[in-house]
Amino acid sequence: AVVSTQSTGSDNHAAALNSPAGTMVASPRRNGRDDGNIEATLLKKGGILKTWRKWRFELNVKLKELRYYESTSDTHNPGPLYIRKTIDLRGRVRVNPLSHSGGRIDANHPHHFPFMIKTERRDLVLAADTKELRDIWMKKIKSVSQSP
């Protein structure tokens, strides 16, 4: 599925995703609608190679989904975003902070704060650039997964 920056309610999706390495959104922000959805650029740890990569995430409260996006554009030519994966947050979901060397991920990302999302189908390891941002995402994901 193709999602343009306009259809997600944010004209800054591609710009944020394609920002210089290490630059992240300082806090989750609402996507222009009063629906409780939040979005931010977070780091995600890969499955096979276990490397960290920046992705644009959106938490959809109504659908109880966490989506992450990729772009085929570069920094100078923002293009449409493509849904990479959709994670269903219905059912049993656990969210926990992780600590790697006092909250650090590795030498390349020394100031990020990791957390793990465990669903019935998969585990995700994500990281935010501040402890506050990590805590906001963890609280919101827990809230969405526990709501009726």
C-alpha atoms as a PDB file:
ATOM      1  CA  ALA A   1       0.000   0.000   0.000  1.00  0.00           C
ATOM      2  CA  VAL A   2       1.192   3.503  -0.729  1.00  0.00           C
ATOM      3  CA  VAL A   3       0.626   6.281   1.739  1.00  0.00           C
ATOM      4  CA  SER A   4       1.372   9.813   0.734  1.00  0.00           C
ATOM      5  CA  THR A   5       2.396  12.373   3.308  1.00  0.00           C
ATOM      6  CA  GLN A   6      -0.951  14.057   2.841  1.00  0.00           C
ATOM      7  CA  SER A   7      -3.058  10.962   3.506  1.00  0.00           C
ATOM      8  CA  THR A   8      -1.480  10.409   6.928  1.00  0.00           C
ATOM      9  CA  GLY A   9      -2.293  13.924   8.023  1.00  0.00           C
ATOM     10  CA  SER A  10       1.303  15.134   8.114  1.00  0.00           C
ATOM     11  CA  ASP A  11       3.288  17.007   5.508  1.00  0.00           C
ATOM     12  CA  ASN A  12       6.470  16.330   7.452  1.00  0.00           C
ATOM     13  CA  HIS A  13       6.585  12.511   7.238  1.00  0.00           C
ATOM     14  CA  ALA A  14       9.139  12.317   4.448  1.00  0.00           C
ATOM     15  CA  ALA A  15      11.117  15.310   5.686  1.00  0.00           C
ATOM     16  CA  ALA A  16      11.488  13.790   9.153  1.00  0.00           C
ATOM     17  CA  LEU A  17      12.301  10.330   7.824  1.00  0.00           C
ATOM     18  CA  ASN A  18      14.928  11.741   5.496  1.00  0.00           C
ATOM     19  CA  SER A  19      16.505  14.076   8.019  1.00  0.00           C
ATOM     20  CA  PRO A  20      20.258  13.728   8.672  1.00  0.00           C
ATOM     21  CA  ALA A  21      21.385  10.638  10.550  1.00  0.00           C
ATOM     22  CA  GLY A  22      20.833  10.919  14.269  1.00  0.00           C
ATOM     23  CA  THR A  23      18.147  13.604  13.952  1.00  0.00           C
ATOM     24  CA  MET A  24      14.864  12.542  15.474  1.00  0.00           C
ATOM     25  CA  VAL A  25      11.566  14.174  16.315  1.00  0.00           C
ATOM     26  CA  ALA A  26      11.861  15.562  19.847  1.00  0.00           C
ATOM     27  CA  SER A  27       8.432  14.353  20.879  1.00  0.00           C
ATOM     28  CA  PRO A  28       5.533  12.455  19.400  1.00  0.00           C
ATOM     29  CA  ARG A  29       3.093  14.782  17.779  1.00  0.00           C
ATOM     30  CA  ARG A  30      -0.496  14.505  16.866  1.00  0.00           C
ATOM     31  CA  ASN A  31      -1.082  14.124  13.163  1.00  0.00           C
ATOM     32  CA  GLY A  32      -3.398  17.106  12.836  1.00  0.00           C
ATOM     33  CA  ARG A  33      -6.547  15.228  13.844  1.00  0.00           C
ATOM     34  CA  ASP A  34      -8.020  14.966  17.332  1.00  0.00           C
ATOM     35  CA  ASP A  35      -7.959  11.158  17.300  1.00  0.00           C
ATOM     36  CA  GLY A  36      -5.157  10.542  19.806  1.00  0.00           C
ATOM     37  CA  ASN A  37      -2.800   9.112  17.163  1.00  0.00           C
ATOM     38  CA  ILE A  38       0.879   9.902  17.611  1.00  0.00           C
ATOM     39  CA  GLU A  39       3.831   9.720  15.252  1.00  0.00           C
ATOM     40  CA  ALA A  40       7.582  10.083  15.509  1.00  0.00           C
ATOM     41  CA  THR A  41      10.828   8.901  14.000  1.00  0.00           C
ATOM     42  CA  LEU A  42      12.322   6.093  16.109  1.00  0.00           C
ATOM     43  CA  LEU A  43      15.161   3.631  15.704  1.00  0.00           C
ATOM     44  CA  LYS A  44      14.248  -0.029  15.127  1.00  0.00           C
ATOM     45  CA  LYS A  45      16.578  -2.955  15.628  1.00  0.00           C
ATOM     46  CA  GLY A  46      16.631  -5.304  12.645  1.00  0.00           C
ATOM     47  CA  GLY A  47      15.692  -8.969  12.815  1.00  0.00           C
ATOM     48  CA  ILE A  48      18.511 -10.825  11.111  1.00  0.00           C
ATOM     49  CA  LEU A  49      21.519  -8.467  11.123  1.00  0.00           C
ATOM     50  CA  LYS A  50      20.514  -6.715  14.373  1.00  0.00           C
ATOM     51  CA  THR A  51      21.449  -3.293  13.044  1.00  0.00           C
ATOM     52  CA  TRP A  52      19.617  -0.094  13.985  1.00  0.00           C
ATOM     53  CA  ARG A  53      17.660   1.811  11.346  1.00  0.00           C
ATOM     54  CA  LYS A  54      15.537   4.953  11.484  1.00  0.00           C
ATOM     55  CA  TRP A  55      11.827   4.532  10.619  1.00  0.00           C
ATOM     56  CA  ARG A  56       8.768   6.744  10.776  1.00  0.00           C
ATOM     57  CA  PHE A  57       6.228   5.259  13.237  1.00  0.00           C
ATOM     58  CA  GLU A  58       2.543   6.002  13.673  1.00  0.00           C
ATOM     59  CA  LEU A  59       0.325   4.660  16.447  1.00  0.00           C
ATOM     60  CA  ASN A  60      -3.289   4.406  15.263  1.00  0.00           C
ATOM     61  CA  VAL A  61      -5.515   4.385  18.351  1.00  0.00           C
ATOM     62  CA  LYS A  62      -8.798   3.488  16.631  1.00  0.00           C
ATOM     63  CA  LEU A  63      -7.359   0.545  14.659  1.00  0.00           C
ATOM     64  CA  LYS A  64      -5.020  -0.514  17.499  1.00  0.00           C
ATOM     65  CA  GLU A  65      -2.110  -0.648  15.076  1.00  0.00           C
ATOM     66  CA  LEU A  66       1.498   0.445  15.099  1.00  0.00           C
ATOM     67  CA  ARG A  67       2.730   1.171  11.584  1.00  0.00           C
ATOM     68  CA  TYR A  68       6.148   1.990  10.317  1.00  0.00           C
ATOM     69  CA  TYR A  69       7.009   3.534   6.995  1.00  0.00           C
ATOM     70  CA  GLU A  70       9.839   3.766   4.526  1.00  0.00           C
ATOM     71  CA  SER A  71      10.447   6.210   1.721  1.00  0.00           C
ATOM     72  CA  THR A  72      11.910   5.739  -1.747  1.00  0.00           C
ATOM     73  CA  SER A  73      13.012   9.360  -1.786  1.00  0.00           C
ATOM     74  CA  ASP A  74      16.217  11.004  -0.691  1.00  0.00           C
ATOM     75  CA  THR A  75      16.880  13.966   1.587  1.00  0.00           C
ATOM     76  CA  HIS A  76      16.502  16.558  -1.169  1.00  0.00           C
ATOM     77  CA  ASN A  77      13.436  15.058  -2.879  1.00  0.00           C
ATOM     78  CA  PRO A  78      10.869  13.903  -0.296  1.00  0.00           C
ATOM     79  CA  GLY A  79       8.512  11.396  -1.840  1.00  0.00           C
ATOM     80  CA  PRO A  80       5.608   9.194  -0.780  1.00  0.00           C
ATOM     81  CA  LEU A  81       5.900   6.889   2.188  1.00  0.00           C
ATOM     82  CA  TYR A  82       5.183   3.176   1.962  1.00  0.00           C
ATOM     83  CA  ILE A  83       3.852   1.140   4.844  1.00  0.00           C
ATOM     84  CA  ARG A  84       6.601  -1.303   5.689  1.00  0.00           C
ATOM     85  CA  LYS A  85       4.782  -3.223   8.414  1.00  0.00           C
ATOM     86  CA  THR A  86       1.637  -3.024  10.486  1.00  0.00           C
ATOM     87  CA  ILE A  87       1.738  -4.477  13.981  1.00  0.00           C
ATOM     88  CA  ASP A  88      -1.589  -5.493  15.503  1.00  0.00           C
ATOM     89  CA  LEU A  89      -1.819  -4.308  19.119  1.00  0.00           C
ATOM     90  CA  ARG A  90      -4.973  -6.269  19.944  1.00  0.00           C
ATOM     91  CA  GLY A  91      -4.510  -9.218  22.235  1.00  0.00           C
ATOM     92  CA  ARG A  92      -1.645  -9.685  24.664  1.00  0.00           C
ATOM     93  CA  VAL A  93       0.942  -6.901  24.340  1.00  0.00           C
ATOM     94  CA  ARG A  94       3.819  -6.190  26.710  1.00  0.00           C
ATOM     95  CA  VAL A  95       5.950  -3.054  26.591  1.00  0.00           C
ATOM     96  CA  ASN A  96       9.144  -2.779  28.635  1.00  0.00           C
ATOM     97  CA  PRO A  97      12.130  -0.427  28.764  1.00  0.00           C
ATOM     98  CA  LEU A  98      15.498  -1.956  27.943  1.00  0.00           C
ATOM     99  CA  SER A  99      18.833  -1.003  29.359  1.00  0.00           C
ATOM    100  CA  HIS A 100      22.004  -1.405  27.311  1.00  0.00           C
ATOM    101  CA  SER A 101      24.998   0.029  29.146  1.00  0.00           C
ATOM    102  CA  GLY A 102      22.956   2.459  31.211  1.00  0.00           C
ATOM    103  CA  GLY A 103      20.335   3.076  28.550  1.00  0.00           C
ATOM    104  CA  ARG A 104      22.760   3.282  25.642  1.00  0.00           C
ATOM    105  CA  ILE A 105      22.257   1.221  22.524  1.00  0.00           C
ATOM    106  CA  ASP A 106      25.783   1.130  21.128  1.00  0.00           C
ATOM    107  CA  ALA A 107      28.704   3.392  20.273  1.00  0.00           C
ATOM    108  CA  ASN A 108      26.896   4.761  17.190  1.00  0.00           C
ATOM    109  CA  HIS A 109      23.752   5.703  19.130  1.00  0.00           C
ATOM    110  CA  PRO A 110      24.963   6.517  22.655  1.00  0.00           C
ATOM    111  CA  HIS A 111      22.083   8.776  23.647  1.00  0.00           C
ATOM    112  CA  HIS A 112      19.016   6.748  22.696  1.00  0.00           C
ATOM    113  CA  PHE A 113      16.625   4.918  25.013  1.00  0.00           C
ATOM    114  CA  PRO A 114      15.474   1.449  23.912  1.00  0.00           C
ATOM    115  CA  PHE A 115      12.248  -0.400  24.670  1.00  0.00           C
ATOM    116  CA  MET A 116      10.683  -3.692  23.612  1.00  0.00           C
ATOM    117  CA  ILE A 117       7.163  -4.392  22.361  1.00  0.00           C
ATOM    118  CA  LYS A 118       6.119  -8.049  22.600  1.00  0.00           C
ATOM    119  CA  THR A 119       2.932  -9.057  20.794  1.00  0.00           C
ATOM    120  CA  GLU A 120       1.453 -12.484  20.210  1.00  0.00           C
ATOM    121  CA  ARG A 121       3.113 -12.576  16.780  1.00  0.00           C
ATOM    122  CA  ARG A 122       6.398 -10.706  17.101  1.00  0.00           C
ATOM    123  CA  ASP A 123       8.870  -8.754  19.191  1.00  0.00           C
ATOM    124  CA  LEU A 124      10.077  -5.271  18.273  1.00  0.00           C
ATOM    125  CA  VAL A 125      13.018  -3.422  19.765  1.00  0.00           C
ATOM    126  CA  LEU A 126      12.733   0.350  19.291  1.00  0.00           C
ATOM    127  CA  ALA A 127      14.618   3.330  20.658  1.00  0.00           C
ATOM    128  CA  ALA A 128      13.746   6.978  21.229  1.00  0.00           C
ATOM    129  CA  ASP A 129      16.160   9.876  21.526  1.00  0.00           C
ATOM    130  CA  THR A 130      15.030  10.777  25.062  1.00  0.00           C
ATOM    131  CA  LYS A 131      13.774   8.880  28.078  1.00  0.00           C
ATOM    132  CA  GLU A 132      10.657  11.074  28.072  1.00  0.00           C
ATOM    133  CA  LEU A 133       9.854  10.205  24.460  1.00  0.00           C
ATOM    134  CA  ARG A 134      10.356   6.501  25.169  1.00  0.00           C
ATOM    135  CA  ASP A 135       8.050   6.715  28.199  1.00  0.00           C
ATOM    136  CA  ILE A 136       5.330   8.508  26.210  1.00  0.00           C
ATOM    137  CA  TRP A 137       5.393   5.816  23.509  1.00  0.00           C
ATOM    138  CA  MET A 138       5.399   2.983  26.052  1.00  0.00           C
ATOM    139  CA  LYS A 139       2.466   4.482  27.985  1.00  0.00           C
ATOM    140  CA  LYS A 140       0.440   5.135  24.836  1.00  0.00           C
ATOM    141  CA  ILE A 141       1.036   1.630  23.418  1.00  0.00           C
ATOM    142  CA  LYS A 142       0.029   0.052  26.743  1.00  0.00           C
ATOM    143  CA  SER A 143      -3.090   2.212  26.852  1.00  0.00           C
ATOM    144  CA  VAL A 144      -4.111   1.293  23.288  1.00  0.00           C
ATOM    145  CA  SER A 145      -3.509  -2.429  23.772  1.00  0.00           C
ATOM    146  CA  GLN A 146      -5.506  -2.544  27.024  1.00  0.00           C
ATOM    147  CA  SER A 147      -8.507  -0.527  25.847  1.00  0.00           C
ATOM    148  CA  PRO A 148     -11.713  -2.422  24.945  1.00  0.00           C
END
